Amino acid sequence: MRRLLTGLTLAAVVATPAMAHEVPNAAAVEALARQVMATTGARGLAIAVIDDGQVASVGAWGQRNAAGDPLTTDTVMYGASLTKAVFGYLVAQLAEEGALSLDQSVADMLPRPLPDYHTPDIVDRYADWSALDERWRRITPRVALTHSTGFANFGFTEPDEKLHFHFDPGARFAYSGDGLITIQFALEEGLGLDVGAEAQRRIFDRFGMTN
């Protein structure tokens, strides 16, 4: 796997009335960054120190890509699974507004059975549910958001590159990105929402997250 962008660490220092704290200086933060990079093999690392809700300092070290270009504090970082928290917050808002229930089956959100959606464009953009048995009807937003669908992290890691149940939905925890993607699909295909536009309006614009 190519290491085009290797890491993002967010360090937060939170003040509490019961405990005084000292905001780490630039030298201490850089020492931490260098130590983490040496320990993990990360080629690039960015750290932001947050004190009492305000950005106290930001720094970047190492490289941002395979070409060796320097990582800077303005480098656009790959958000990866940080987006799961954003998506969860979006779904919670929709539930609060009554657009859906956290315990509603995806069967009630989609006009057709989930395994019927297996055209190449859907599989490429979302996932391949074509091999699922009837247990797919037990998948709800709550089950997916708590990573208990029974799916592997991603279907493309399976031998046939299709999602399969490794346990009954809701039975236990097993991290799955495709579990959340299943709910994204239900929102977009079933409820007619654009998740990207909803996240922009409900979260990024609302909280002034411009970069």
N, C-alpha and C. Protein backbone atom coordinates (compact mmCIF):
# COMPACT_ATOMS: atom_id res chain seq x y z
N MET A 1 0.84 -1.19 0.00
CA MET A 1 0.00 0.00 0.00
C MET A 1 0.88 1.24 0.00
N ARG A 2 0.59 2.16 -0.91
CA ARG A 2 1.39 3.37 -0.99
C ARG A 2 1.09 4.29 0.18
N ARG A 3 2.15 4.88 0.71
CA ARG A 3 1.98 5.83 1.81
C ARG A 3 2.03 7.25 1.24
N LEU A 4 0.94 7.66 0.62
CA LEU A 4 0.91 9.00 0.05
C LEU A 4 0.71 10.05 1.14
N LEU A 5 -0.07 9.69 2.12
CA LEU A 5 -0.30 10.59 3.24
C LEU A 5 -0.40 9.73 4.48
N THR A 6 0.46 9.97 5.44
CA THR A 6 0.64 8.95 6.46
C THR A 6 -0.06 9.20 7.78
N GLY A 7 -0.34 10.43 8.13
CA GLY A 7 -0.96 10.54 9.44
C GLY A 7 -1.43 11.92 9.78
N LEU A 8 -2.39 12.00 10.66
CA LEU A 8 -2.88 13.25 11.21
C LEU A 8 -3.19 13.02 12.67
N THR A 9 -2.54 13.79 13.54
CA THR A 9 -2.79 13.67 14.96
C THR A 9 -3.34 14.98 15.46
N LEU A 10 -4.41 14.92 16.21
CA LEU A 10 -4.99 16.10 16.82
C LEU A 10 -4.78 16.01 18.32
N ALA A 11 -4.02 16.95 18.87
CA ALA A 11 -3.78 16.96 20.30
C ALA A 11 -4.65 18.04 20.92
N ALA A 12 -5.45 17.69 21.88
CA ALA A 12 -6.35 18.65 22.51
C ALA A 12 -6.02 18.77 23.99
N VAL A 13 -5.87 20.00 24.44
CA VAL A 13 -5.62 20.26 25.86
C VAL A 13 -6.86 20.97 26.39
N VAL A 14 -7.58 20.34 27.30
CA VAL A 14 -8.84 20.85 27.78
C VAL A 14 -8.70 21.34 29.22
N ALA A 15 -9.10 22.56 29.46
CA ALA A 15 -9.02 23.12 30.80
C ALA A 15 -10.23 22.70 31.62
N THR A 16 -10.02 22.39 32.89
CA THR A 16 -11.11 22.10 33.80
C THR A 16 -10.88 22.89 35.08
N PRO A 17 -11.94 23.30 35.76
CA PRO A 17 -11.79 24.09 36.98
C PRO A 17 -10.99 23.38 38.05
N ALA A 18 -11.04 22.04 38.06
CA ALA A 18 -10.40 21.31 39.16
C ALA A 18 -8.92 21.04 38.92
N MET A 19 -8.44 21.25 37.71
CA MET A 19 -7.07 20.87 37.41
C MET A 19 -6.42 21.92 36.52
N ALA A 20 -5.35 22.53 37.00
CA ALA A 20 -4.60 23.47 36.18
C ALA A 20 -3.84 22.70 35.12
N HIS A 21 -3.55 23.36 34.02
CA HIS A 21 -2.83 22.70 32.95
C HIS A 21 -1.85 23.67 32.33
N GLU A 22 -0.90 23.11 31.63
CA GLU A 22 0.09 23.92 30.94
C GLU A 22 0.07 23.54 29.47
N VAL A 23 -0.10 24.54 28.63
CA VAL A 23 -0.12 24.28 27.20
C VAL A 23 1.29 23.96 26.73
N PRO A 24 1.50 22.84 26.05
CA PRO A 24 2.85 22.48 25.61
C PRO A 24 3.41 23.51 24.63
N ASN A 25 4.69 23.81 24.79
CA ASN A 25 5.31 24.78 23.89
C ASN A 25 5.67 24.11 22.57
N ALA A 26 6.13 24.94 21.62
CA ALA A 26 6.40 24.44 20.28
C ALA A 26 7.46 23.34 20.28
N ALA A 27 8.47 23.49 21.13
CA ALA A 27 9.54 22.50 21.18
C ALA A 27 9.02 21.15 21.67
N ALA A 28 8.13 21.18 22.66
CA ALA A 28 7.57 19.94 23.19
C ALA A 28 6.68 19.24 22.16
N VAL A 29 5.90 20.04 21.43
CA VAL A 29 5.03 19.47 20.41
C VAL A 29 5.86 18.85 19.29
N GLU A 30 6.91 19.55 18.88
CA GLU A 30 7.76 19.01 17.82
C GLU A 30 8.45 17.73 18.27
N ALA A 31 8.89 17.70 19.52
CA ALA A 31 9.54 16.49 20.04
C ALA A 31 8.57 15.31 20.01
N LEU A 32 7.31 15.58 20.38
CA LEU A 32 6.29 14.54 20.33
C LEU A 32 6.08 14.06 18.90
N ALA A 33 5.99 15.01 17.98
CA ALA A 33 5.78 14.65 16.58
C ALA A 33 6.91 13.77 16.05
N ARG A 34 8.14 14.18 16.35
CA ARG A 34 9.29 13.41 15.87
C ARG A 34 9.30 12.00 16.48
N GLN A 35 8.92 11.92 17.75
CA GLN A 35 8.89 10.62 18.42
C GLN A 35 7.84 9.71 17.79
N VAL A 36 6.65 10.26 17.55
CA VAL A 36 5.57 9.48 16.95
C VAL A 36 5.96 9.01 15.55
N MET A 37 6.57 9.89 14.77
CA MET A 37 6.98 9.52 13.42
C MET A 37 8.03 8.42 13.44
N ALA A 38 8.97 8.53 14.37
CA ALA A 38 10.02 7.51 14.46
C ALA A 38 9.47 6.17 14.91
N THR A 39 8.49 6.22 15.82
CA THR A 39 7.92 4.98 16.37
C THR A 39 7.02 4.27 15.37
N THR A 40 6.22 5.06 14.64
CA THR A 40 5.21 4.48 13.75
C THR A 40 5.67 4.34 12.30
N GLY A 41 6.73 5.03 11.94
CA GLY A 41 7.16 5.02 10.55
C GLY A 41 6.39 5.97 9.67
N ALA A 42 5.60 6.84 10.29
CA ALA A 42 4.83 7.83 9.53
C ALA A 42 5.78 8.79 8.83
N ARG A 43 5.49 9.09 7.58
CA ARG A 43 6.35 10.00 6.82
C ARG A 43 5.94 11.45 6.98
N GLY A 44 4.74 11.69 7.45
CA GLY A 44 4.27 13.04 7.65
C GLY A 44 3.29 13.11 8.80
N LEU A 45 3.30 14.21 9.53
CA LEU A 45 2.43 14.33 10.70
C LEU A 45 2.09 15.79 10.93
N ALA A 46 0.84 16.05 11.26
CA ALA A 46 0.40 17.39 11.61
C ALA A 46 -0.28 17.34 12.97
N ILE A 47 -0.01 18.34 13.79
CA ILE A 47 -0.60 18.39 15.13
C ILE A 47 -1.17 19.78 15.37
N ALA A 48 -2.37 19.82 15.91
CA ALA A 48 -2.98 21.07 16.37
C ALA A 48 -3.21 20.94 17.87
N VAL A 49 -2.81 21.95 18.61
CA VAL A 49 -3.04 21.98 20.05
C VAL A 49 -4.22 22.91 20.31
N ILE A 50 -5.26 22.38 20.95
CA ILE A 50 -6.47 23.14 21.24
C ILE A 50 -6.52 23.41 22.74
N ASP A 51 -6.61 24.66 23.12
CA ASP A 51 -6.68 25.03 24.53
C ASP A 51 -7.94 25.86 24.77
N ASP A 52 -8.80 25.37 25.62
CA ASP A 52 -10.03 26.08 25.98
C ASP A 52 -10.84 26.47 24.74
N GLY A 53 -10.91 25.54 23.80
CA GLY A 53 -11.71 25.78 22.61
C GLY A 53 -11.03 26.61 21.54
N GLN A 54 -9.81 27.03 21.77
CA GLN A 54 -9.10 27.86 20.80
C GLN A 54 -7.85 27.14 20.31
N VAL A 55 -7.50 27.40 19.05
CA VAL A 55 -6.28 26.81 18.49
C VAL A 55 -5.08 27.53 19.07
N ALA A 56 -4.29 26.80 19.87
CA ALA A 56 -3.10 27.40 20.49
C ALA A 56 -1.90 27.35 19.55
N SER A 57 -1.77 26.28 18.80
CA SER A 57 -0.66 26.18 17.86
C SER A 57 -0.93 25.07 16.86
N VAL A 58 -0.31 25.19 15.70
CA VAL A 58 -0.38 24.14 14.69
C VAL A 58 1.03 23.92 14.15
N GLY A 59 1.31 22.70 13.77
CA GLY A 59 2.62 22.41 13.21
C GLY A 59 2.55 21.22 12.28
N ALA A 60 3.48 21.15 11.35
CA ALA A 60 3.53 20.04 10.40
C ALA A 60 4.97 19.63 10.18
N TRP A 61 5.19 18.34 10.06
CA TRP A 61 6.54 17.80 9.91
C TRP A 61 6.53 16.69 8.87
N GLY A 62 7.64 16.52 8.19
CA GLY A 62 7.80 15.41 7.26
C GLY A 62 7.26 15.69 5.88
N GLN A 63 6.87 14.63 5.20
CA GLN A 63 6.48 14.70 3.80
C GLN A 63 4.98 14.45 3.63
N ARG A 64 4.42 15.03 2.58
CA ARG A 64 2.99 14.89 2.35
C ARG A 64 2.63 13.85 1.30
N ASN A 65 3.61 13.39 0.53
CA ASN A 65 3.32 12.42 -0.52
C ASN A 65 4.56 11.62 -0.88
N ALA A 66 4.39 10.69 -1.80
CA ALA A 66 5.49 9.81 -2.19
C ALA A 66 6.60 10.56 -2.91
N ALA A 67 6.28 11.72 -3.46
CA ALA A 67 7.28 12.53 -4.16
C ALA A 67 8.21 13.25 -3.19
N GLY A 68 7.85 13.26 -1.91
CA GLY A 68 8.69 13.90 -0.91
C GLY A 68 8.42 15.36 -0.70
N ASP A 69 7.30 15.87 -1.22
CA ASP A 69 6.95 17.27 -0.99
C ASP A 69 6.68 17.48 0.49
N PRO A 70 7.06 18.63 1.03
CA PRO A 70 6.91 18.84 2.47
C PRO A 70 5.45 18.98 2.89
N LEU A 71 5.13 18.40 4.02
CA LEU A 71 3.82 18.58 4.62
C LEU A 71 3.80 19.94 5.30
N THR A 72 2.74 20.72 5.09
CA THR A 72 2.62 22.04 5.69
C THR A 72 1.31 22.13 6.45
N THR A 73 1.14 23.20 7.19
CA THR A 73 -0.10 23.38 7.95
C THR A 73 -1.28 23.69 7.02
N ASP A 74 -1.01 23.99 5.75
CA ASP A 74 -2.07 24.24 4.78
C ASP A 74 -2.39 23.02 3.92
N THR A 75 -1.66 21.94 4.11
CA THR A 75 -1.90 20.73 3.32
C THR A 75 -3.29 20.17 3.62
N VAL A 76 -4.04 19.88 2.57
CA VAL A 76 -5.35 19.25 2.75
C VAL A 76 -5.13 17.79 3.08
N MET A 77 -5.57 17.39 4.28
CA MET A 77 -5.34 16.03 4.75
C MET A 77 -6.53 15.14 4.41
N TYR A 78 -6.24 13.89 4.15
CA TYR A 78 -7.28 12.90 3.91
C TYR A 78 -8.04 12.64 5.20
N GLY A 79 -9.34 12.91 5.19
CA GLY A 79 -10.13 12.81 6.41
C GLY A 79 -10.36 11.40 6.90
N ALA A 80 -10.39 10.43 5.97
CA ALA A 80 -10.57 9.02 6.30
C ALA A 80 -11.75 8.84 7.26
N SER A 81 -11.56 8.08 8.32
CA SER A 81 -12.67 7.71 9.19
C SER A 81 -13.08 8.80 10.16
N LEU A 82 -12.41 9.97 10.13
CA LEU A 82 -12.94 11.11 10.87
C LEU A 82 -14.34 11.45 10.36
N THR A 83 -14.61 11.11 9.11
CA THR A 83 -15.92 11.40 8.54
C THR A 83 -17.04 10.57 9.18
N LYS A 84 -16.70 9.48 9.84
CA LYS A 84 -17.73 8.67 10.48
C LYS A 84 -18.44 9.44 11.59
N ALA A 85 -17.68 10.23 12.33
CA ALA A 85 -18.30 11.05 13.39
C ALA A 85 -19.22 12.09 12.78
N VAL A 86 -18.79 12.68 11.66
CA VAL A 86 -19.63 13.65 10.96
C VAL A 86 -20.92 12.99 10.49
N PHE A 87 -20.78 11.82 9.90
CA PHE A 87 -21.96 11.11 9.39
C PHE A 87 -22.90 10.72 10.52
N GLY A 88 -22.35 10.26 11.63
CA GLY A 88 -23.18 9.90 12.77
C GLY A 88 -23.97 11.08 13.30
N TYR A 89 -23.32 12.24 13.35
CA TYR A 89 -23.99 13.46 13.81
C TYR A 89 -25.11 13.85 12.85
N LEU A 90 -24.86 13.69 11.55
CA LEU A 90 -25.87 14.00 10.54
C LEU A 90 -27.09 13.09 10.71
N VAL A 91 -26.85 11.80 10.88
CA VAL A 91 -27.95 10.84 11.04
C VAL A 91 -28.73 11.14 12.32
N ALA A 92 -28.02 11.51 13.38
CA ALA A 92 -28.70 11.84 14.64
C ALA A 92 -29.61 13.05 14.46
N GLN A 93 -29.17 14.04 13.69
CA GLN A 93 -30.02 15.20 13.41
C GLN A 93 -31.28 14.79 12.65
N LEU A 94 -31.10 13.94 11.65
CA LEU A 94 -32.26 13.48 10.88
C LEU A 94 -33.24 12.72 11.76
N ALA A 95 -32.72 11.92 12.68
CA ALA A 95 -33.58 11.18 13.60
C ALA A 95 -34.32 12.14 14.53
N GLU A 96 -33.62 13.15 15.01
CA GLU A 96 -34.24 14.13 15.90
C GLU A 96 -35.35 14.89 15.20
N GLU A 97 -35.18 15.11 13.91
CA GLU A 97 -36.18 15.84 13.12
C GLU A 97 -37.33 14.94 12.67
N GLY A 98 -37.22 13.64 12.89
CA GLY A 98 -38.27 12.72 12.51
C GLY A 98 -38.19 12.22 11.08
N ALA A 99 -37.08 12.51 10.39
CA ALA A 99 -36.93 12.04 9.02
C ALA A 99 -36.69 10.54 8.96
N LEU A 100 -36.20 9.99 10.05
CA LEU A 100 -35.97 8.55 10.16
C LEU A 100 -35.93 8.17 11.63
N SER A 101 -35.95 6.87 11.89
CA SER A 101 -35.77 6.36 13.24
C SER A 101 -34.46 5.60 13.29
N LEU A 102 -33.73 5.74 14.38
CA LEU A 102 -32.48 5.02 14.52
C LEU A 102 -32.69 3.51 14.53
N ASP A 103 -33.89 3.08 14.86
CA ASP A 103 -34.19 1.65 14.91
C ASP A 103 -35.05 1.18 13.74
N GLN A 104 -35.08 1.98 12.70
CA GLN A 104 -35.83 1.66 11.49
C GLN A 104 -35.00 0.77 10.57
N SER A 105 -35.58 -0.29 10.08
CA SER A 105 -34.88 -1.18 9.16
C SER A 105 -34.61 -0.46 7.84
N VAL A 106 -33.47 -0.77 7.24
CA VAL A 106 -33.21 -0.20 5.92
C VAL A 106 -34.25 -0.69 4.91
N ALA A 107 -34.91 -1.80 5.23
CA ALA A 107 -35.98 -2.30 4.36
C ALA A 107 -37.12 -1.29 4.26
N ASP A 108 -37.31 -0.51 5.32
CA ASP A 108 -38.37 0.50 5.33
C ASP A 108 -37.91 1.81 4.71
N MET A 109 -36.63 1.92 4.42
CA MET A 109 -36.08 3.15 3.85
C MET A 109 -35.89 3.04 2.35
N LEU A 110 -35.82 1.83 1.83
CA LEU A 110 -35.54 1.61 0.42
C LEU A 110 -36.77 1.10 -0.32
N PRO A 111 -36.96 1.50 -1.57
CA PRO A 111 -38.11 1.01 -2.34
C PRO A 111 -37.97 -0.43 -2.81
N ARG A 112 -36.73 -0.94 -2.82
CA ARG A 112 -36.49 -2.32 -3.25
C ARG A 112 -35.59 -3.00 -2.23
N PRO A 113 -35.56 -4.34 -2.21
CA PRO A 113 -34.65 -5.04 -1.29
C PRO A 113 -33.20 -4.65 -1.54
N LEU A 114 -32.44 -4.52 -0.48
CA LEU A 114 -31.05 -4.09 -0.57
C LEU A 114 -30.23 -4.94 -1.54
N PRO A 115 -30.33 -6.29 -1.51
CA PRO A 115 -29.50 -7.09 -2.42
C PRO A 115 -29.82 -6.87 -3.90
N ASP A 116 -30.97 -6.24 -4.21
CA ASP A 116 -31.32 -6.00 -5.61
C ASP A 116 -30.50 -4.87 -6.22
N TYR A 117 -29.86 -4.08 -5.39
CA TYR A 117 -29.06 -2.97 -5.90
C TYR A 117 -27.63 -3.45 -6.15
N HIS A 118 -27.37 -3.94 -7.34
CA HIS A 118 -26.03 -4.45 -7.61
C HIS A 118 -25.55 -4.11 -9.02
N THR A 119 -26.03 -3.00 -9.56
CA THR A 119 -25.51 -2.55 -10.85
C THR A 119 -24.07 -2.08 -10.66
N PRO A 120 -23.27 -2.11 -11.72
CA PRO A 120 -21.85 -1.74 -11.57
C PRO A 120 -21.63 -0.36 -10.97
N ASP A 121 -22.46 0.61 -11.33
CA ASP A 121 -22.25 1.96 -10.79
C ASP A 121 -22.52 2.01 -9.30
N ILE A 122 -23.53 1.28 -8.82
CA ILE A 122 -23.82 1.26 -7.38
C ILE A 122 -22.73 0.51 -6.63
N VAL A 123 -22.30 -0.62 -7.16
CA VAL A 123 -21.23 -1.39 -6.51
C VAL A 123 -19.96 -0.56 -6.44
N ASP A 124 -19.66 0.18 -7.49
CA ASP A 124 -18.44 1.00 -7.52
C ASP A 124 -18.52 2.15 -6.54
N ARG A 125 -19.68 2.75 -6.41
CA ARG A 125 -19.82 3.93 -5.55
C ARG A 125 -20.08 3.56 -4.09
N TYR A 126 -20.80 2.49 -3.87
CA TYR A 126 -21.19 2.12 -2.50
C TYR A 126 -20.59 0.77 -2.09
N ALA A 127 -21.30 -0.31 -2.34
CA ALA A 127 -20.86 -1.64 -1.92
C ALA A 127 -21.64 -2.68 -2.71
N ASP A 128 -21.27 -3.94 -2.54
CA ASP A 128 -21.97 -5.03 -3.22
C ASP A 128 -22.71 -5.86 -2.18
N TRP A 129 -24.03 -5.67 -2.13
CA TRP A 129 -24.87 -6.37 -1.16
C TRP A 129 -25.54 -7.61 -1.76
N SER A 130 -25.20 -7.98 -2.99
CA SER A 130 -25.97 -8.99 -3.73
C SER A 130 -25.94 -10.38 -3.09
N ALA A 131 -24.95 -10.66 -2.24
CA ALA A 131 -24.84 -11.99 -1.63
C ALA A 131 -25.50 -12.08 -0.25
N LEU A 132 -26.11 -11.01 0.21
CA LEU A 132 -26.67 -11.00 1.56
C LEU A 132 -27.93 -11.84 1.65
N ASP A 133 -28.10 -12.51 2.81
CA ASP A 133 -29.34 -13.23 3.07
C ASP A 133 -30.34 -12.28 3.73
N GLU A 134 -31.46 -12.82 4.18
CA GLU A 134 -32.55 -11.99 4.69
C GLU A 134 -32.20 -11.22 5.96
N ARG A 135 -31.08 -11.52 6.57
CA ARG A 135 -30.69 -10.78 7.76
C ARG A 135 -30.41 -9.31 7.48
N TRP A 136 -30.29 -8.94 6.20
CA TRP A 136 -30.07 -7.54 5.88
C TRP A 136 -31.20 -6.67 6.41
N ARG A 137 -32.38 -7.26 6.56
CA ARG A 137 -33.53 -6.50 7.05
C ARG A 137 -33.37 -6.08 8.51
N ARG A 138 -32.42 -6.68 9.21
CA ARG A 138 -32.18 -6.31 10.61
C ARG A 138 -31.25 -5.11 10.74
N ILE A 139 -30.70 -4.66 9.64
CA ILE A 139 -29.78 -3.52 9.69
C ILE A 139 -30.58 -2.24 9.87
N THR A 140 -30.21 -1.47 10.87
CA THR A 140 -30.82 -0.18 11.16
C THR A 140 -29.72 0.86 11.26
N PRO A 141 -30.07 2.15 11.26
CA PRO A 141 -29.03 3.16 11.48
C PRO A 141 -28.26 2.94 12.77
N ARG A 142 -28.96 2.56 13.85
CA ARG A 142 -28.28 2.34 15.12
C ARG A 142 -27.29 1.17 15.02
N VAL A 143 -27.72 0.08 14.39
CA VAL A 143 -26.85 -1.08 14.22
C VAL A 143 -25.61 -0.70 13.42
N ALA A 144 -25.79 0.05 12.35
CA ALA A 144 -24.65 0.43 11.51
C ALA A 144 -23.73 1.41 12.23
N LEU A 145 -24.30 2.40 12.90
CA LEU A 145 -23.48 3.42 13.56
C LEU A 145 -22.73 2.87 14.76
N THR A 146 -23.20 1.77 15.32
CA THR A 146 -22.48 1.13 16.42
C THR A 146 -21.61 -0.03 15.93
N HIS A 147 -21.41 -0.09 14.63
CA HIS A 147 -20.52 -1.09 14.02
C HIS A 147 -20.89 -2.52 14.45
N SER A 148 -22.14 -2.85 14.26
CA SER A 148 -22.58 -4.20 14.61
C SER A 148 -23.41 -4.83 13.49
N THR A 149 -23.12 -4.47 12.24
CA THR A 149 -23.87 -5.04 11.11
C THR A 149 -23.53 -6.50 10.87
N GLY A 150 -22.32 -6.91 11.25
CA GLY A 150 -21.85 -8.25 10.91
C GLY A 150 -20.99 -8.27 9.67
N PHE A 151 -20.81 -7.10 9.04
CA PHE A 151 -19.99 -7.02 7.84
C PHE A 151 -18.51 -6.95 8.18
N ALA A 152 -17.68 -7.31 7.20
CA ALA A 152 -16.26 -6.97 7.27
C ALA A 152 -16.14 -5.46 7.14
N ASN A 153 -14.93 -4.94 7.33
CA ASN A 153 -14.75 -3.49 7.20
C ASN A 153 -15.22 -3.03 5.83
N PHE A 154 -14.74 -3.70 4.79
CA PHE A 154 -15.16 -3.40 3.42
C PHE A 154 -15.37 -4.70 2.65
N GLY A 155 -16.38 -4.70 1.81
CA GLY A 155 -16.68 -5.89 1.04
C GLY A 155 -15.56 -6.31 0.10
N PHE A 156 -14.79 -5.34 -0.39
CA PHE A 156 -13.73 -5.71 -1.33
C PHE A 156 -12.62 -6.52 -0.69
N THR A 157 -12.64 -6.64 0.65
CA THR A 157 -11.65 -7.49 1.32
C THR A 157 -12.09 -8.95 1.37
N GLU A 158 -13.34 -9.22 1.01
CA GLU A 158 -13.84 -10.59 0.98
C GLU A 158 -13.32 -11.30 -0.28
N PRO A 159 -13.20 -12.63 -0.26
CA PRO A 159 -12.69 -13.36 -1.43
C PRO A 159 -13.45 -13.06 -2.72
N ASP A 160 -14.77 -12.88 -2.62
CA ASP A 160 -15.57 -12.59 -3.82
C ASP A 160 -15.88 -11.10 -3.96
N GLU A 161 -15.32 -10.28 -3.06
CA GLU A 161 -15.49 -8.83 -3.06
C GLU A 161 -16.94 -8.41 -2.83
N LYS A 162 -17.71 -9.27 -2.17
CA LYS A 162 -19.09 -8.97 -1.82
C LYS A 162 -19.24 -9.00 -0.30
N LEU A 163 -20.17 -8.20 0.22
CA LEU A 163 -20.43 -8.21 1.65
C LEU A 163 -21.12 -9.50 2.07
N HIS A 164 -20.71 -10.01 3.24
CA HIS A 164 -21.32 -11.20 3.83
C HIS A 164 -21.51 -10.95 5.32
N PHE A 165 -22.45 -11.66 5.93
CA PHE A 165 -22.63 -11.57 7.37
C PHE A 165 -21.69 -12.54 8.06
N HIS A 166 -20.90 -12.02 8.98
CA HIS A 166 -20.02 -12.86 9.79
C HIS A 166 -20.66 -13.15 11.15
N PHE A 167 -21.71 -12.43 11.47
CA PHE A 167 -22.55 -12.70 12.64
C PHE A 167 -23.85 -11.96 12.43
N ASP A 168 -24.85 -12.25 13.26
CA ASP A 168 -26.15 -11.61 13.13
C ASP A 168 -26.05 -10.12 13.40
N PRO A 169 -26.72 -9.29 12.61
CA PRO A 169 -26.72 -7.85 12.88
C PRO A 169 -27.18 -7.54 14.29
N GLY A 170 -26.40 -6.71 14.97
CA GLY A 170 -26.72 -6.32 16.33
C GLY A 170 -26.15 -7.21 17.40
N ALA A 171 -25.53 -8.33 17.01
CA ALA A 171 -25.04 -9.30 18.00
C ALA A 171 -23.80 -8.82 18.73
N ARG A 172 -22.89 -8.17 18.04
CA ARG A 172 -21.67 -7.70 18.68
C ARG A 172 -20.99 -6.65 17.81
N PHE A 173 -19.89 -6.15 18.31
CA PHE A 173 -19.15 -5.09 17.61
C PHE A 173 -18.14 -5.68 16.63
N ALA A 174 -18.07 -5.11 15.45
CA ALA A 174 -16.99 -5.38 14.49
C ALA A 174 -16.96 -4.20 13.53
N TYR A 175 -15.87 -3.48 13.56
CA TYR A 175 -15.74 -2.23 12.80
C TYR A 175 -16.03 -2.45 11.32
N SER A 176 -16.89 -1.61 10.75
CA SER A 176 -17.24 -1.76 9.34
C SER A 176 -17.54 -0.42 8.69
N GLY A 177 -16.70 -0.04 7.76
CA GLY A 177 -16.97 1.15 6.97
C GLY A 177 -18.17 0.95 6.06
N ASP A 178 -18.28 -0.25 5.49
CA ASP A 178 -19.41 -0.51 4.60
C ASP A 178 -20.74 -0.57 5.33
N GLY A 179 -20.71 -0.77 6.64
CA GLY A 179 -21.95 -0.68 7.40
C GLY A 179 -22.52 0.72 7.34
N LEU A 180 -21.66 1.73 7.52
CA LEU A 180 -22.11 3.11 7.43
C LEU A 180 -22.46 3.49 6.00
N ILE A 181 -21.71 2.95 5.04
CA ILE A 181 -22.01 3.23 3.65
C ILE A 181 -23.39 2.69 3.28
N THR A 182 -23.80 1.60 3.92
CA THR A 182 -25.14 1.06 3.70
C THR A 182 -26.20 2.07 4.10
N ILE A 183 -25.99 2.74 5.22
CA ILE A 183 -26.96 3.76 5.65
C ILE A 183 -26.88 4.97 4.74
N GLN A 184 -25.68 5.35 4.30
CA GLN A 184 -25.57 6.44 3.33
C GLN A 184 -26.41 6.13 2.10
N PHE A 185 -26.30 4.90 1.61
CA PHE A 185 -27.08 4.51 0.43
C PHE A 185 -28.57 4.61 0.71
N ALA A 186 -29.00 4.17 1.88
CA ALA A 186 -30.42 4.24 2.22
C ALA A 186 -30.91 5.68 2.26
N LEU A 187 -30.07 6.58 2.77
CA LEU A 187 -30.44 8.00 2.82
C LEU A 187 -30.55 8.58 1.41
N GLU A 188 -29.60 8.24 0.57
CA GLU A 188 -29.56 8.85 -0.76
C GLU A 188 -30.55 8.19 -1.72
N GLU A 189 -30.60 6.88 -1.71
CA GLU A 189 -31.50 6.17 -2.63
C GLU A 189 -32.93 6.15 -2.12
N GLY A 190 -33.09 5.96 -0.82
CA GLY A 190 -34.43 5.83 -0.26
C GLY A 190 -35.09 7.14 0.11
N LEU A 191 -34.31 8.05 0.73
CA LEU A 191 -34.88 9.32 1.18
C LEU A 191 -34.58 10.47 0.23
N GLY A 192 -33.78 10.20 -0.80
CA GLY A 192 -33.51 11.25 -1.79
C GLY A 192 -32.58 12.34 -1.31
N LEU A 193 -31.77 12.07 -0.29
CA LEU A 193 -30.86 13.07 0.25
C LEU A 193 -29.50 12.98 -0.43
N ASP A 194 -28.80 14.09 -0.45
CA ASP A 194 -27.40 14.12 -0.87
C ASP A 194 -26.58 14.27 0.40
N VAL A 195 -25.94 13.20 0.84
CA VAL A 195 -25.24 13.21 2.12
C VAL A 195 -24.16 14.28 2.14
N GLY A 196 -23.43 14.46 1.05
CA GLY A 196 -22.41 15.49 1.00
C GLY A 196 -22.98 16.88 1.20
N ALA A 197 -24.08 17.17 0.51
CA ALA A 197 -24.71 18.48 0.64
C ALA A 197 -25.29 18.67 2.04
N GLU A 198 -25.88 17.61 2.59
CA GLU A 198 -26.44 17.70 3.94
C GLU A 198 -25.34 17.96 4.97
N ALA A 199 -24.21 17.28 4.83
CA ALA A 199 -23.10 17.49 5.76
C ALA A 199 -22.57 18.91 5.65
N GLN A 200 -22.48 19.41 4.43
CA GLN A 200 -22.00 20.78 4.22
C GLN A 200 -22.92 21.78 4.92
N ARG A 201 -24.22 21.60 4.71
CA ARG A 201 -25.19 22.55 5.26
C ARG A 201 -25.34 22.43 6.77
N ARG A 202 -25.45 21.20 7.24
CA ARG A 202 -25.77 20.97 8.64
C ARG A 202 -24.56 21.06 9.58
N ILE A 203 -23.37 20.83 9.05
CA ILE A 203 -22.21 20.72 9.93
C ILE A 203 -21.10 21.69 9.53
N PHE A 204 -20.56 21.55 8.32
CA PHE A 204 -19.39 22.35 7.96
C PHE A 204 -19.71 23.84 7.90
N ASP A 205 -20.81 24.22 7.23
CA ASP A 205 -21.19 25.63 7.18
C ASP A 205 -21.60 26.12 8.56
N ARG A 206 -22.35 25.32 9.26
CA ARG A 206 -22.87 25.72 10.58
C ARG A 206 -21.75 26.04 11.55
N PHE A 207 -20.69 25.25 11.54
CA PHE A 207 -19.60 25.44 12.49
C PHE A 207 -18.38 26.14 11.90
N GLY A 208 -18.56 26.73 10.72
CA GLY A 208 -17.47 27.50 10.13
C GLY A 208 -16.26 26.67 9.76
N MET A 209 -16.50 25.42 9.36
CA MET A 209 -15.39 24.53 9.00
C MET A 209 -15.09 24.72 7.52
N THR A 210 -14.22 25.68 7.23
CA THR A 210 -13.96 26.09 5.85
C THR A 210 -12.78 25.39 5.22
N ASN A 211 -11.98 24.67 6.01
CA ASN A 211 -10.84 23.97 5.42
C ASN A 211 -10.48 22.77 6.28
